[in-house]
């Protein structure tokens, strides 16, 4: 199973990448939205985990673009953010996200959610 993680924070990218790799997932990483979009289009991963507050293109814009393209529209998409309020979480889900995780991320909860979904 292939998971794309999009986050401008190198620490978060490495942490999630290392943890998921140790748990037998193939992990693709992108440190910006444009690279993430390119990888999503080319690789069509099984899951995308994307930081909500990316510079230049927000996570909402990444989600909107991917949902508008037939080749990526059906890929499960989960947001990751420091914003823990219910209004932000609700907006993310209303925009079409399939899940929402807050930072600092609980890696065991993430793993459990992935295993439950797939």
PDB file of N, CA and C in Angstrom:
ATOM      1  N   UNK A   1       0.834  -1.174   0.000  1.00  0.00           N
ATOM      2  CA  UNK A   1       0.000   0.000   0.000  1.00  0.00           C
ATOM      3  C   UNK A   1       0.879   1.237   0.000  1.00  0.00           C
ATOM      4  N   UNK A   2       0.510   2.189  -0.819  1.00  0.00           N
ATOM      5  CA  UNK A   2       1.308   3.396  -0.999  1.00  0.00           C
ATOM      6  C   UNK A   2       0.585   4.600  -0.404  1.00  0.00           C
ATOM      7  N   UNK A   3       1.299   5.363   0.427  1.00  0.00           N
ATOM      8  CA  UNK A   3       0.738   6.530   1.096  1.00  0.00           C
ATOM      9  C   UNK A   3       1.586   7.744   0.741  1.00  0.00           C
ATOM     10  N   UNK A   4       0.927   8.808   0.298  1.00  0.00           N
ATOM     11  CA  UNK A   4       1.590  10.075   0.018  1.00  0.00           C
ATOM     12  C   UNK A   4       1.371  11.006   1.195  1.00  0.00           C
ATOM     13  N   UNK A   5       2.458  11.559   1.729  1.00  0.00           N
ATOM     14  CA  UNK A   5       2.390  12.528   2.813  1.00  0.00           C
ATOM     15  C   UNK A   5       2.900  13.859   2.267  1.00  0.00           C
ATOM     16  N   UNK A   6       2.069  14.901   2.390  1.00  0.00           N
ATOM     17  CA  UNK A   6       2.429  16.246   1.929  1.00  0.00           C
ATOM     18  C   UNK A   6       2.483  17.153   3.153  1.00  0.00           C
ATOM     19  N   UNK A   7       3.667  17.688   3.449  1.00  0.00           N
ATOM     20  CA  UNK A   7       3.828  18.564   4.606  1.00  0.00           C
ATOM     21  C   UNK A   7       5.084  19.396   4.401  1.00  0.00           C
ATOM     22  N   UNK A   8       5.000  20.680   4.693  1.00  0.00           N
ATOM     23  CA  UNK A   8       6.158  21.559   4.569  1.00  0.00           C
ATOM     24  C   UNK A   8       7.165  21.334   5.703  1.00  0.00           C
ATOM     25  N   UNK A   9       6.724  20.714   6.791  1.00  0.00           N
ATOM     26  CA  UNK A   9       7.573  20.489   7.952  1.00  0.00           C
ATOM     27  C   UNK A   9       8.370  19.194   7.777  1.00  0.00           C
ATOM     28  N   UNK A  10       9.664  19.330   7.587  1.00  0.00           N
ATOM     29  CA  UNK A  10      10.527  18.172   7.342  1.00  0.00           C
ATOM     30  C   UNK A  10      10.486  17.175   8.491  1.00  0.00           C
ATOM     31  N   UNK A  11      10.387  17.668   9.728  1.00  0.00           N
ATOM     32  CA  UNK A  11      10.330  16.771  10.879  1.00  0.00           C
ATOM     33  C   UNK A  11       9.096  15.880  10.802  1.00  0.00           C
ATOM     34  N   UNK A  12       7.943  16.478  10.515  1.00  0.00           N
ATOM     35  CA  UNK A  12       6.708  15.689  10.397  1.00  0.00           C
ATOM     36  C   UNK A  12       6.817  14.673   9.271  1.00  0.00           C
ATOM     37  N   UNK A  13       7.370  15.106   8.142  1.00  0.00           N
ATOM     38  CA  UNK A  13       7.539  14.190   7.012  1.00  0.00           C
ATOM     39  C   UNK A  13       8.392  12.984   7.401  1.00  0.00           C
ATOM     40  N   UNK A  14       9.530  13.251   8.020  1.00  0.00           N
ATOM     41  CA  UNK A  14      10.435  12.162   8.402  1.00  0.00           C
ATOM     42  C   UNK A  14       9.812  11.254   9.452  1.00  0.00           C
ATOM     43  N   UNK A  15       9.144  11.856  10.420  1.00  0.00           N
ATOM     44  CA  UNK A  15       8.524  11.075  11.489  1.00  0.00           C
ATOM     45  C   UNK A  15       7.469  10.114  10.933  1.00  0.00           C
ATOM     46  N   UNK A  16       6.563  10.647  10.115  1.00  0.00           N
ATOM     47  CA  UNK A  16       5.504   9.820   9.549  1.00  0.00           C
ATOM     48  C   UNK A  16       6.081   8.799   8.570  1.00  0.00           C
ATOM     49  N   UNK A  17       7.006   9.236   7.727  1.00  0.00           N
ATOM     50  CA  UNK A  17       7.643   8.344   6.756  1.00  0.00           C
ATOM     51  C   UNK A  17       8.309   7.170   7.469  1.00  0.00           C
ATOM     52  N   UNK A  18       9.144   7.459   8.457  1.00  0.00           N
ATOM     53  CA  UNK A  18       9.848   6.394   9.171  1.00  0.00           C
ATOM     54  C   UNK A  18       8.885   5.436   9.858  1.00  0.00           C
ATOM     55  N   UNK A  19       7.878   5.980  10.526  1.00  0.00           N
ATOM     56  CA  UNK A  19       6.931   5.145  11.259  1.00  0.00           C
ATOM     57  C   UNK A  19       6.141   4.237  10.320  1.00  0.00           C
ATOM     58  N   UNK A  20       5.611   4.806   9.246  1.00  0.00           N
ATOM     59  CA  UNK A  20       4.812   4.003   8.323  1.00  0.00           C
ATOM     60  C   UNK A  20       5.673   2.991   7.570  1.00  0.00           C
ATOM     61  N   UNK A  21       6.894   3.373   7.228  1.00  0.00           N
ATOM     62  CA  UNK A  21       7.808   2.444   6.562  1.00  0.00           C
ATOM     63  C   UNK A  21       8.111   1.255   7.480  1.00  0.00           C
ATOM     64  N   UNK A  22       8.335   1.529   8.765  1.00  0.00           N
ATOM     65  CA  UNK A  22       8.577   0.451   9.731  1.00  0.00           C
ATOM     66  C   UNK A  22       7.369  -0.478   9.866  1.00  0.00           C
ATOM     67  N   UNK A  23       6.193   0.045   9.508  1.00  0.00           N
ATOM     68  CA  UNK A  23       4.974  -0.750   9.570  1.00  0.00           C
ATOM     69  C   UNK A  23       4.560  -1.272   8.191  1.00  0.00           C
ATOM     70  N   UNK A  24       5.551  -1.395   7.320  1.00  0.00           N
ATOM     71  CA  UNK A  24       5.406  -2.054   6.018  1.00  0.00           C
ATOM     72  C   UNK A  24       4.539  -1.328   4.996  1.00  0.00           C
ATOM     73  N   UNK A  25       4.528   0.004   5.044  1.00  0.00           N
ATOM     74  CA  UNK A  25       3.854   0.786   4.014  1.00  0.00           C
ATOM     75  C   UNK A  25       4.901   1.430   3.125  1.00  0.00           C
ATOM     76  N   UNK A  26       4.553   1.627   1.869  1.00  0.00           N
ATOM     77  CA  UNK A  26       5.393   2.416   0.976  1.00  0.00           C
ATOM     78  C   UNK A  26       4.974   3.860   1.151  1.00  0.00           C
ATOM     79  N   UNK A  27       5.929   4.727   1.414  1.00  0.00           N
ATOM     80  CA  UNK A  27       5.613   6.119   1.685  1.00  0.00           C
ATOM     81  C   UNK A  27       6.282   7.011   0.655  1.00  0.00           C
ATOM     82  N   UNK A  28       5.481   7.902   0.093  1.00  0.00           N
ATOM     83  CA  UNK A  28       5.961   8.950  -0.804  1.00  0.00           C
ATOM     84  C   UNK A  28       5.838  10.256  -0.038  1.00  0.00           C
ATOM     85  N   UNK A  29       6.793  11.159  -0.183  1.00  0.00           N
ATOM     86  CA  UNK A  29       6.714  12.418   0.541  1.00  0.00           C
ATOM     87  C   UNK A  29       6.880  13.597  -0.406  1.00  0.00           C
ATOM     88  N   UNK A  30       6.229  14.696  -0.023  1.00  0.00           N
ATOM     89  CA  UNK A  30       6.363  15.952  -0.757  1.00  0.00           C
ATOM     90  C   UNK A  30       6.381  17.076   0.271  1.00  0.00           C
ATOM     91  N   UNK A  31       7.307  18.025   0.102  1.00  0.00           N
ATOM     92  CA  UNK A  31       7.389  19.114   1.068  1.00  0.00           C
ATOM     93  C   UNK A  31       6.680  20.386   0.599  1.00  0.00           C
ATOM     94  N   UNK A  32       5.900  20.260  -0.486  1.00  0.00           N
ATOM     95  CA  UNK A  32       5.073  21.384  -0.928  1.00  0.00           C
ATOM     96  C   UNK A  32       3.906  20.863  -1.753  1.00  0.00           C
ATOM     97  N   UNK A  33       2.921  21.717  -1.947  1.00  0.00           N
ATOM     98  CA  UNK A  33       1.683  21.315  -2.614  1.00  0.00           C
ATOM     99  C   UNK A  33       1.905  20.919  -4.067  1.00  0.00           C
ATOM    100  N   UNK A  34       2.687  21.680  -4.789  1.00  0.00           N
ATOM    101  CA  UNK A  34       2.884  21.394  -6.221  1.00  0.00           C
ATOM    102  C   UNK A  34       3.530  20.023  -6.430  1.00  0.00           C
ATOM    103  N   UNK A  35       4.544  19.717  -5.645  1.00  0.00           N
ATOM    104  CA  UNK A  35       5.184  18.412  -5.744  1.00  0.00           C
ATOM    105  C   UNK A  35       4.203  17.318  -5.351  1.00  0.00           C
ATOM    106  N   UNK A  36       3.425  17.574  -4.297  1.00  0.00           N
ATOM    107  CA  UNK A  36       2.420  16.616  -3.865  1.00  0.00           C
ATOM    108  C   UNK A  36       1.394  16.326  -4.945  1.00  0.00           C
ATOM    109  N   UNK A  37       0.931  17.369  -5.631  1.00  0.00           N
ATOM    110  CA  UNK A  37      -0.023  17.178  -6.726  1.00  0.00           C
ATOM    111  C   UNK A  37       0.587  16.342  -7.846  1.00  0.00           C
ATOM    112  N   UNK A  38       1.828  16.637  -8.177  1.00  0.00           N
ATOM    113  CA  UNK A  38       2.506  15.889  -9.235  1.00  0.00           C
ATOM    114  C   UNK A  38       2.636  14.407  -8.870  1.00  0.00           C
ATOM    115  N   UNK A  39       3.062  14.138  -7.647  1.00  0.00           N
ATOM    116  CA  UNK A  39       3.208  12.747  -7.209  1.00  0.00           C
ATOM    117  C   UNK A  39       1.856  12.048  -7.194  1.00  0.00           C
ATOM    118  N   UNK A  40       0.835  12.728  -6.703  1.00  0.00           N
ATOM    119  CA  UNK A  40      -0.510  12.134  -6.654  1.00  0.00           C
ATOM    120  C   UNK A  40      -0.984  11.758  -8.053  1.00  0.00           C
ATOM    121  N   UNK A  41      -0.749  12.626  -9.009  1.00  0.00           N
ATOM    122  CA  UNK A  41      -1.178  12.357 -10.384  1.00  0.00           C
ATOM    123  C   UNK A  41      -0.393  11.199 -10.999  1.00  0.00           C
ATOM    124  N   UNK A  42       0.901  11.181 -10.769  1.00  0.00           N
ATOM    125  CA  UNK A  42       1.752  10.162 -11.388  1.00  0.00           C
ATOM    126  C   UNK A  42       1.657   8.804 -10.706  1.00  0.00           C
ATOM    127  N   UNK A  43       1.606   8.785  -9.378  1.00  0.00           N
ATOM    128  CA  UNK A  43       1.671   7.532  -8.629  1.00  0.00           C
ATOM    129  C   UNK A  43       0.311   6.990  -8.193  1.00  0.00           C
ATOM    130  N   UNK A  44      -0.678   7.881  -8.111  1.00  0.00           N
ATOM    131  CA  UNK A  44      -2.019   7.512  -7.649  1.00  0.00           C
ATOM    132  C   UNK A  44      -1.943   6.616  -6.410  1.00  0.00           C
ATOM    133  N   UNK A  45      -1.482   7.187  -5.287  1.00  0.00           N
ATOM    134  CA  UNK A  45      -1.333   6.405  -4.063  1.00  0.00           C
ATOM    135  C   UNK A  45      -2.689   5.943  -3.527  1.00  0.00           C
ATOM    136  N   UNK A  46      -2.646   5.029  -2.567  1.00  0.00           N
ATOM    137  CA  UNK A  46      -3.869   4.521  -1.949  1.00  0.00           C
ATOM    138  C   UNK A  46      -4.458   5.489  -0.938  1.00  0.00           C
ATOM    139  N   UNK A  47      -3.620   6.408  -0.418  1.00  0.00           N
ATOM    140  CA  UNK A  47      -4.039   7.365   0.596  1.00  0.00           C
ATOM    141  C   UNK A  47      -3.149   8.593   0.512  1.00  0.00           C
ATOM    142  N   UNK A  48      -3.756   9.770   0.725  1.00  0.00           N
ATOM    143  CA  UNK A  48      -2.984  11.011   0.808  1.00  0.00           C
ATOM    144  C   UNK A  48      -3.229  11.623   2.182  1.00  0.00           C
ATOM    145  N   UNK A  49      -2.144  11.964   2.865  1.00  0.00           N
ATOM    146  CA  UNK A  49      -2.200  12.684   4.131  1.00  0.00           C
ATOM    147  C   UNK A  49      -1.550  14.033   3.873  1.00  0.00           C
ATOM    148  N   UNK A  50      -2.310  15.114   4.068  1.00  0.00           N
ATOM    149  CA  UNK A  50      -1.844  16.438   3.644  1.00  0.00           C
ATOM    150  C   UNK A  50      -2.002  17.473   4.750  1.00  0.00           C
ATOM    151  N   UNK A  51      -0.950  18.227   5.002  1.00  0.00           N
ATOM    152  CA  UNK A  51      -1.008  19.358   5.932  1.00  0.00           C
ATOM    153  C   UNK A  51      -2.035  20.363   5.409  1.00  0.00           C
ATOM    154  N   UNK A  52      -2.853  20.860   6.302  1.00  0.00           N
ATOM    155  CA  UNK A  52      -3.902  21.809   5.932  1.00  0.00           C
ATOM    156  C   UNK A  52      -3.330  23.164   5.532  1.00  0.00           C
ATOM    157  N   UNK A  53      -2.363  23.645   6.284  1.00  0.00           N
ATOM    158  CA  UNK A  53      -1.847  25.005   6.092  1.00  0.00           C
ATOM    159  C   UNK A  53      -0.513  25.024   5.347  1.00  0.00           C
ATOM    160  N   UNK A  54      -0.547  24.567   4.125  1.00  0.00           N
ATOM    161  CA  UNK A  54       0.649  24.603   3.283  1.00  0.00           C
ATOM    162  C   UNK A  54       0.868  26.015   2.755  1.00  0.00           C
ATOM    163  N   UNK A  55       2.117  26.417   2.534  1.00  0.00           N
ATOM    164  CA  UNK A  55       2.362  27.706   1.895  1.00  0.00           C
ATOM    165  C   UNK A  55       1.980  27.666   0.408  1.00  0.00           C
ATOM    166  N   UNK A  56       1.663  28.783  -0.140  1.00  0.00           N
ATOM    167  CA  UNK A  56       1.268  28.975  -1.547  1.00  0.00           C
ATOM    168  C   UNK A  56      -0.094  28.349  -1.852  1.00  0.00           C
ATOM    169  N   UNK A  57      -0.193  27.045  -1.939  1.00  0.00           N
ATOM    170  CA  UNK A  57      -1.483  26.368  -2.134  1.00  0.00           C
ATOM    171  C   UNK A  57      -1.865  25.709  -0.821  1.00  0.00           C
ATOM    172  N   UNK A  58      -3.031  26.015  -0.313  1.00  0.00           N
ATOM    173  CA  UNK A  58      -3.454  25.397   0.953  1.00  0.00           C
ATOM    174  C   UNK A  58      -3.853  23.945   0.727  1.00  0.00           C
ATOM    175  N   UNK A  59      -3.962  23.226   1.816  1.00  0.00           N
ATOM    176  CA  UNK A  59      -4.451  21.860   1.735  1.00  0.00           C
ATOM    177  C   UNK A  59      -5.836  21.790   1.122  1.00  0.00           C
ATOM    178  N   UNK A  60      -6.673  22.806   1.409  1.00  0.00           N
ATOM    179  CA  UNK A  60      -8.006  22.846   0.802  1.00  0.00           C
ATOM    180  C   UNK A  60      -7.915  22.916  -0.721  1.00  0.00           C
ATOM    181  N   UNK A  61      -6.971  23.712  -1.211  1.00  0.00           N
ATOM    182  CA  UNK A  61      -6.797  23.819  -2.663  1.00  0.00           C
ATOM    183  C   UNK A  61      -6.270  22.511  -3.257  1.00  0.00           C
ATOM    184  N   UNK A  62      -5.355  21.865  -2.556  1.00  0.00           N
ATOM    185  CA  UNK A  62      -4.847  20.570  -3.014  1.00  0.00           C
ATOM    186  C   UNK A  62      -6.008  19.577  -3.119  1.00  0.00           C
ATOM    187  N   UNK A  63      -6.833  19.530  -2.094  1.00  0.00           N
ATOM    188  CA  UNK A  63      -7.982  18.632  -2.097  1.00  0.00           C
ATOM    189  C   UNK A  63      -8.934  18.955  -3.242  1.00  0.00           C
ATOM    190  N   UNK A  64      -9.241  20.232  -3.430  1.00  0.00           N
ATOM    191  CA  UNK A  64     -10.157  20.642  -4.506  1.00  0.00           C
ATOM    192  C   UNK A  64      -9.621  20.215  -5.874  1.00  0.00           C
ATOM    193  N   UNK A  65      -8.340  20.433  -6.104  1.00  0.00           N
ATOM    194  CA  UNK A  65      -7.723  20.071  -7.393  1.00  0.00           C
ATOM    195  C   UNK A  65      -7.781  18.559  -7.603  1.00  0.00           C
ATOM    196  N   UNK A  66      -7.391  17.800  -6.586  1.00  0.00           N
ATOM    197  CA  UNK A  66      -7.380  16.340  -6.731  1.00  0.00           C
ATOM    198  C   UNK A  66      -8.781  15.770  -6.905  1.00  0.00           C
ATOM    199  N   UNK A  67      -9.760  16.336  -6.228  1.00  0.00           N
ATOM    200  CA  UNK A  67     -11.140  15.860  -6.364  1.00  0.00           C
ATOM    201  C   UNK A  67     -11.726  16.204  -7.735  1.00  0.00           C
ATOM    202  N   UNK A  68     -11.176  17.218  -8.399  1.00  0.00           N
ATOM    203  CA  UNK A  68     -11.707  17.638  -9.697  1.00  0.00           C
ATOM    204  C   UNK A  68     -11.136  16.830 -10.861  1.00  0.00           C
ATOM    205  N   UNK A  69     -10.122  16.018 -10.598  1.00  0.00           N
ATOM    206  CA  UNK A  69      -9.485  15.237 -11.643  1.00  0.00           C
ATOM    207  C   UNK A  69      -9.901  13.771 -11.522  1.00  0.00           C
ATOM    208  N   UNK A  70     -10.427  13.197 -12.596  1.00  0.00           N
ATOM    209  CA  UNK A  70     -10.924  11.812 -12.524  1.00  0.00           C
ATOM    210  C   UNK A  70      -9.897  10.800 -12.017  1.00  0.00           C
ATOM    211  N   UNK A  71      -8.637  10.966 -12.336  1.00  0.00           N
ATOM    212  CA  UNK A  71      -7.625   9.977 -11.944  1.00  0.00           C
ATOM    213  C   UNK A  71      -7.305  10.010 -10.455  1.00  0.00           C
ATOM    214  N   UNK A  72      -7.598  11.121  -9.781  1.00  0.00           N
ATOM    215  CA  UNK A  72      -7.268  11.243  -8.362  1.00  0.00           C
ATOM    216  C   UNK A  72      -8.497  11.491  -7.479  1.00  0.00           C
ATOM    217  N   UNK A  73      -9.651  11.634  -8.078  1.00  0.00           N
ATOM    218  CA  UNK A  73     -10.862  12.008  -7.327  1.00  0.00           C
ATOM    219  C   UNK A  73     -11.227  11.011  -6.241  1.00  0.00           C
ATOM    220  N   UNK A  74     -10.946   9.748  -6.442  1.00  0.00           N
ATOM    221  CA  UNK A  74     -11.362   8.722  -5.492  1.00  0.00           C
ATOM    222  C   UNK A  74     -10.328   8.349  -4.450  1.00  0.00           C
ATOM    223  N   UNK A  75      -9.178   8.983  -4.466  1.00  0.00           N
ATOM    224  CA  UNK A  75      -8.134   8.654  -3.491  1.00  0.00           C
ATOM    225  C   UNK A  75      -8.530   9.207  -2.118  1.00  0.00           C
ATOM    226  N   UNK A  76      -8.575   8.368  -1.088  1.00  0.00           N
ATOM    227  CA  UNK A  76      -8.867   8.879   0.254  1.00  0.00           C
ATOM    228  C   UNK A  76      -7.861   9.963   0.638  1.00  0.00           C
ATOM    229  N   UNK A  77      -8.376  11.024   1.260  1.00  0.00           N
ATOM    230  CA  UNK A  77      -7.579  12.209   1.554  1.00  0.00           C
ATOM    231  C   UNK A  77      -7.806  12.606   3.003  1.00  0.00           C
ATOM    232  N   UNK A  78      -6.740  12.633   3.799  1.00  0.00           N
ATOM    233  CA  UNK A  78      -6.823  13.001   5.204  1.00  0.00           C
ATOM    234  C   UNK A  78      -5.997  14.257   5.447  1.00  0.00           C
ATOM    235  N   UNK A  79      -6.569  15.180   6.205  1.00  0.00           N
ATOM    236  CA  UNK A  79      -5.838  16.377   6.588  1.00  0.00           C
ATOM    237  C   UNK A  79      -5.068  16.150   7.878  1.00  0.00           C
ATOM    238  N   UNK A  80      -4.014  16.939   8.012  1.00  0.00           N
ATOM    239  CA  UNK A  80      -3.156  16.951   9.179  1.00  0.00           C
ATOM    240  C   UNK A  80      -2.919  18.416   9.530  1.00  0.00           C
ATOM    241  N   UNK A  81      -3.154  18.804  10.795  1.00  0.00           N
ATOM    242  CA  UNK A  81      -3.009  20.218  11.143  1.00  0.00           C
ATOM    243  C   UNK A  81      -2.854  20.416  12.640  1.00  0.00           C
ATOM    244  N   UNK A  82      -2.256  21.549  13.010  1.00  0.00           N
ATOM    245  CA  UNK A  82      -2.210  21.947  14.410  1.00  0.00           C
ATOM    246  C   UNK A  82      -3.558  22.491  14.867  1.00  0.00           C
ATOM    247  N   UNK A  83      -4.420  22.843  13.918  1.00  0.00           N
ATOM    248  CA  UNK A  83      -5.725  23.395  14.257  1.00  0.00           C
ATOM    249  C   UNK A  83      -6.636  22.274  14.763  1.00  0.00           C
ATOM    250  N   UNK A  84      -6.975  22.368  16.043  1.00  0.00           N
ATOM    251  CA  UNK A  84      -7.728  21.289  16.671  1.00  0.00           C
ATOM    252  C   UNK A  84      -9.196  21.637  16.907  1.00  0.00           C
ATOM    253  N   UNK A  85      -9.616  22.835  16.527  1.00  0.00           N
ATOM    254  CA  UNK A  85     -10.994  23.237  16.804  1.00  0.00           C
ATOM    255  C   UNK A  85     -11.984  22.503  15.900  1.00  0.00           C
ATOM    256  N   UNK A  86     -13.175  22.337  16.413  1.00  0.00           N
ATOM    257  CA  UNK A  86     -14.211  21.588  15.697  1.00  0.00           C
ATOM    258  C   UNK A  86     -14.641  22.280  14.405  1.00  0.00           C
ATOM    259  N   UNK A  87     -14.630  23.604  14.376  1.00  0.00           N
ATOM    260  CA  UNK A  87     -15.047  24.329  13.170  1.00  0.00           C
ATOM    261  C   UNK A  87     -14.111  24.011  12.003  1.00  0.00           C
ATOM    262  N   UNK A  88     -12.827  23.970  12.252  1.00  0.00           N
ATOM    263  CA  UNK A  88     -11.863  23.648  11.197  1.00  0.00           C
ATOM    264  C   UNK A  88     -12.024  22.202  10.752  1.00  0.00           C
ATOM    265  N   UNK A  89     -12.170  21.315  11.714  1.00  0.00           N
ATOM    266  CA  UNK A  89     -12.370  19.892  11.394  1.00  0.00           C
ATOM    267  C   UNK A  89     -13.635  19.711  10.553  1.00  0.00           C
ATOM    268  N   UNK A  90     -14.714  20.358  10.958  1.00  0.00           N
ATOM    269  CA  UNK A  90     -15.984  20.254  10.230  1.00  0.00           C
ATOM    270  C   UNK A  90     -15.847  20.809   8.804  1.00  0.00           C
ATOM    271  N   UNK A  91     -15.182  21.955   8.677  1.00  0.00           N
ATOM    272  CA  UNK A  91     -14.974  22.544   7.347  1.00  0.00           C
ATOM    273  C   UNK A  91     -14.174  21.596   6.458  1.00  0.00           C
ATOM    274  N   UNK A  92     -13.129  20.982   7.012  1.00  0.00           N
ATOM    275  CA  UNK A  92     -12.301  20.055   6.238  1.00  0.00           C
ATOM    276  C   UNK A  92     -13.124  18.888   5.717  1.00  0.00           C
ATOM    277  N   UNK A  93     -13.973  18.347   6.568  1.00  0.00           N
ATOM    278  CA  UNK A  93     -14.801  17.217   6.156  1.00  0.00           C
ATOM    279  C   UNK A  93     -15.875  17.661   5.166  1.00  0.00           C
ATOM    280  N   UNK A  94     -16.412  18.863   5.346  1.00  0.00           N
ATOM    281  CA  UNK A  94     -17.402  19.384   4.401  1.00  0.00           C
ATOM    282  C   UNK A  94     -16.790  19.650   3.027  1.00  0.00           C
ATOM    283  N   UNK A  95     -15.496  19.977   3.013  1.00  0.00           N
ATOM    284  CA  UNK A  95     -14.799  20.225   1.756  1.00  0.00           C
ATOM    285  C   UNK A  95     -14.492  18.927   1.007  1.00  0.00           C
ATOM    286  N   UNK A  96     -14.687  17.788   1.681  1.00  0.00           N
ATOM    287  CA  UNK A  96     -14.487  16.512   1.008  1.00  0.00           C
ATOM    288  C   UNK A  96     -13.388  15.636   1.570  1.00  0.00           C
ATOM    289  N   UNK A  97     -12.735  16.074   2.649  1.00  0.00           N
ATOM    290  CA  UNK A  97     -11.702  15.240   3.259  1.00  0.00           C
ATOM    291  C   UNK A  97     -12.355  14.018   3.898  1.00  0.00           C
ATOM    292  N   UNK A  98     -11.616  12.921   3.915  1.00  0.00           N
ATOM    293  CA  UNK A  98     -12.111  11.673   4.490  1.00  0.00           C
ATOM    294  C   UNK A  98     -11.693  11.499   5.942  1.00  0.00           C
ATOM    295  N   UNK A  99     -10.753  12.318   6.404  1.00  0.00           N
ATOM    296  CA  UNK A  99     -10.278  12.215   7.770  1.00  0.00           C
ATOM    297  C   UNK A  99      -9.515  13.464   8.160  1.00  0.00           C
ATOM    298  N   UNK A 100      -9.283  13.617   9.461  1.00  0.00           N
ATOM    299  CA  UNK A 100      -8.612  14.806   9.989  1.00  0.00           C
ATOM    300  C   UNK A 100      -7.842  14.419  11.243  1.00  0.00           C
ATOM    301  N   UNK A 101      -6.555  14.710  11.260  1.00  0.00           N
ATOM    302  CA  UNK A 101      -5.699  14.412  12.402  1.00  0.00           C
ATOM    303  C   UNK A 101      -5.011  15.686  12.861  1.00  0.00           C
ATOM    304  N   UNK A 102      -4.867  15.826  14.165  1.00  0.00           N
ATOM    305  CA  UNK A 102      -4.212  17.008  14.701  1.00  0.00           C
ATOM    306  C   UNK A 102      -2.755  16.698  15.048  1.00  0.00           C
ATOM    307  N   UNK A 103      -1.944  17.733  14.956  1.00  0.00           N
ATOM    308  CA  UNK A 103      -0.538  17.662  15.358  1.00  0.00           C
ATOM    309  C   UNK A 103      -0.436  18.109  16.810  1.00  0.00           C
ATOM    310  N   UNK A 104       0.488  17.615  17.565  1.00  0.00           N
ATOM    311  CA  UNK A 104       1.388  16.541  17.174  1.00  0.00           C
ATOM    312  C   UNK A 104       0.596  15.247  16.998  1.00  0.00           C
ATOM    313  N   UNK A 105       0.905  14.558  15.932  1.00  0.00           N
ATOM    314  CA  UNK A 105       0.126  13.384  15.555  1.00  0.00           C
ATOM    315  C   UNK A 105       0.449  12.200  16.452  1.00  0.00           C
ATOM    316  N   UNK A 106      -0.585  11.495  16.818  1.00  0.00           N
ATOM    317  CA  UNK A 106      -0.422  10.249  17.547  1.00  0.00           C
ATOM    318  C   UNK A 106      -0.251   9.158  16.482  1.00  0.00           C
ATOM    319  N   UNK A 107       0.952   8.676  16.334  1.00  0.00           N
ATOM    320  CA  UNK A 107       1.257   7.738  15.253  1.00  0.00           C
ATOM    321  C   UNK A 107       0.495   6.427  15.384  1.00  0.00           C
ATOM    322  N   UNK A 108       0.258   5.985  16.597  1.00  0.00           N
ATOM    323  CA  UNK A 108      -0.507   4.748  16.766  1.00  0.00           C
ATOM    324  C   UNK A 108      -1.961   4.926  16.337  1.00  0.00           C
ATOM    325  N   UNK A 109      -2.537   6.109  16.597  1.00  0.00           N
ATOM    326  CA  UNK A 109      -3.892   6.392  16.123  1.00  0.00           C
ATOM    327  C   UNK A 109      -3.927   6.438  14.596  1.00  0.00           C
ATOM    328  N   UNK A 110      -2.905   7.040  14.001  1.00  0.00           N
ATOM    329  CA  UNK A 110      -2.820   7.092  12.545  1.00  0.00           C
ATOM    330  C   UNK A 110      -2.751   5.683  11.974  1.00  0.00           C
ATOM    331  N   UNK A 111      -1.892   4.865  12.529  1.00  0.00           N
ATOM    332  CA  UNK A 111      -1.750   3.484  12.062  1.00  0.00           C
ATOM    333  C   UNK A 111      -3.060   2.723  12.206  1.00  0.00           C
ATOM    334  N   UNK A 112      -3.719   2.899  13.314  1.00  0.00           N
ATOM    335  CA  UNK A 112      -5.000   2.231  13.544  1.00  0.00           C
ATOM    336  C   UNK A 112      -6.041   2.683  12.512  1.00  0.00           C
ATOM    337  N   UNK A 113      -6.074   3.979  12.226  1.00  0.00           N
ATOM    338  CA  UNK A 113      -7.028   4.497  11.228  1.00  0.00           C
ATOM    339  C   UNK A 113      -6.731   3.940   9.845  1.00  0.00           C
ATOM    340  N   UNK A 114      -5.461   3.839   9.501  1.00  0.00           N
ATOM    341  CA  UNK A 114      -5.095   3.273   8.196  1.00  0.00           C
ATOM    342  C   UNK A 114      -5.524   1.820   8.118  1.00  0.00           C
ATOM    343  N   UNK A 115      -5.241   1.065   9.147  1.00  0.00           N
ATOM    344  CA  UNK A 115      -5.603  -0.351   9.154  1.00  0.00           C
ATOM    345  C   UNK A 115      -7.117  -0.531   9.134  1.00  0.00           C
ATOM    346  N   UNK A 116      -7.852   0.338   9.832  1.00  0.00           N
ATOM    347  CA  UNK A 116      -9.310   0.267   9.815  1.00  0.00           C
ATOM    348  C   UNK A 116      -9.881   0.577   8.428  1.00  0.00           C
ATOM    349  N   UNK A 117      -9.276   1.523   7.758  1.00  0.00           N
ATOM    350  CA  UNK A 117      -9.759   1.966   6.447  1.00  0.00           C
ATOM    351  C   UNK A 117      -9.443   0.938   5.347  1.00  0.00           C
ATOM    352  N   UNK A 118      -8.262   0.337   5.471  1.00  0.00           N
ATOM    353  CA  UNK A 118      -7.807  -0.554   4.411  1.00  0.00           C
ATOM    354  C   UNK A 118      -7.693  -1.974   4.914  1.00  0.00           C
TER     355      UNK A 118
END
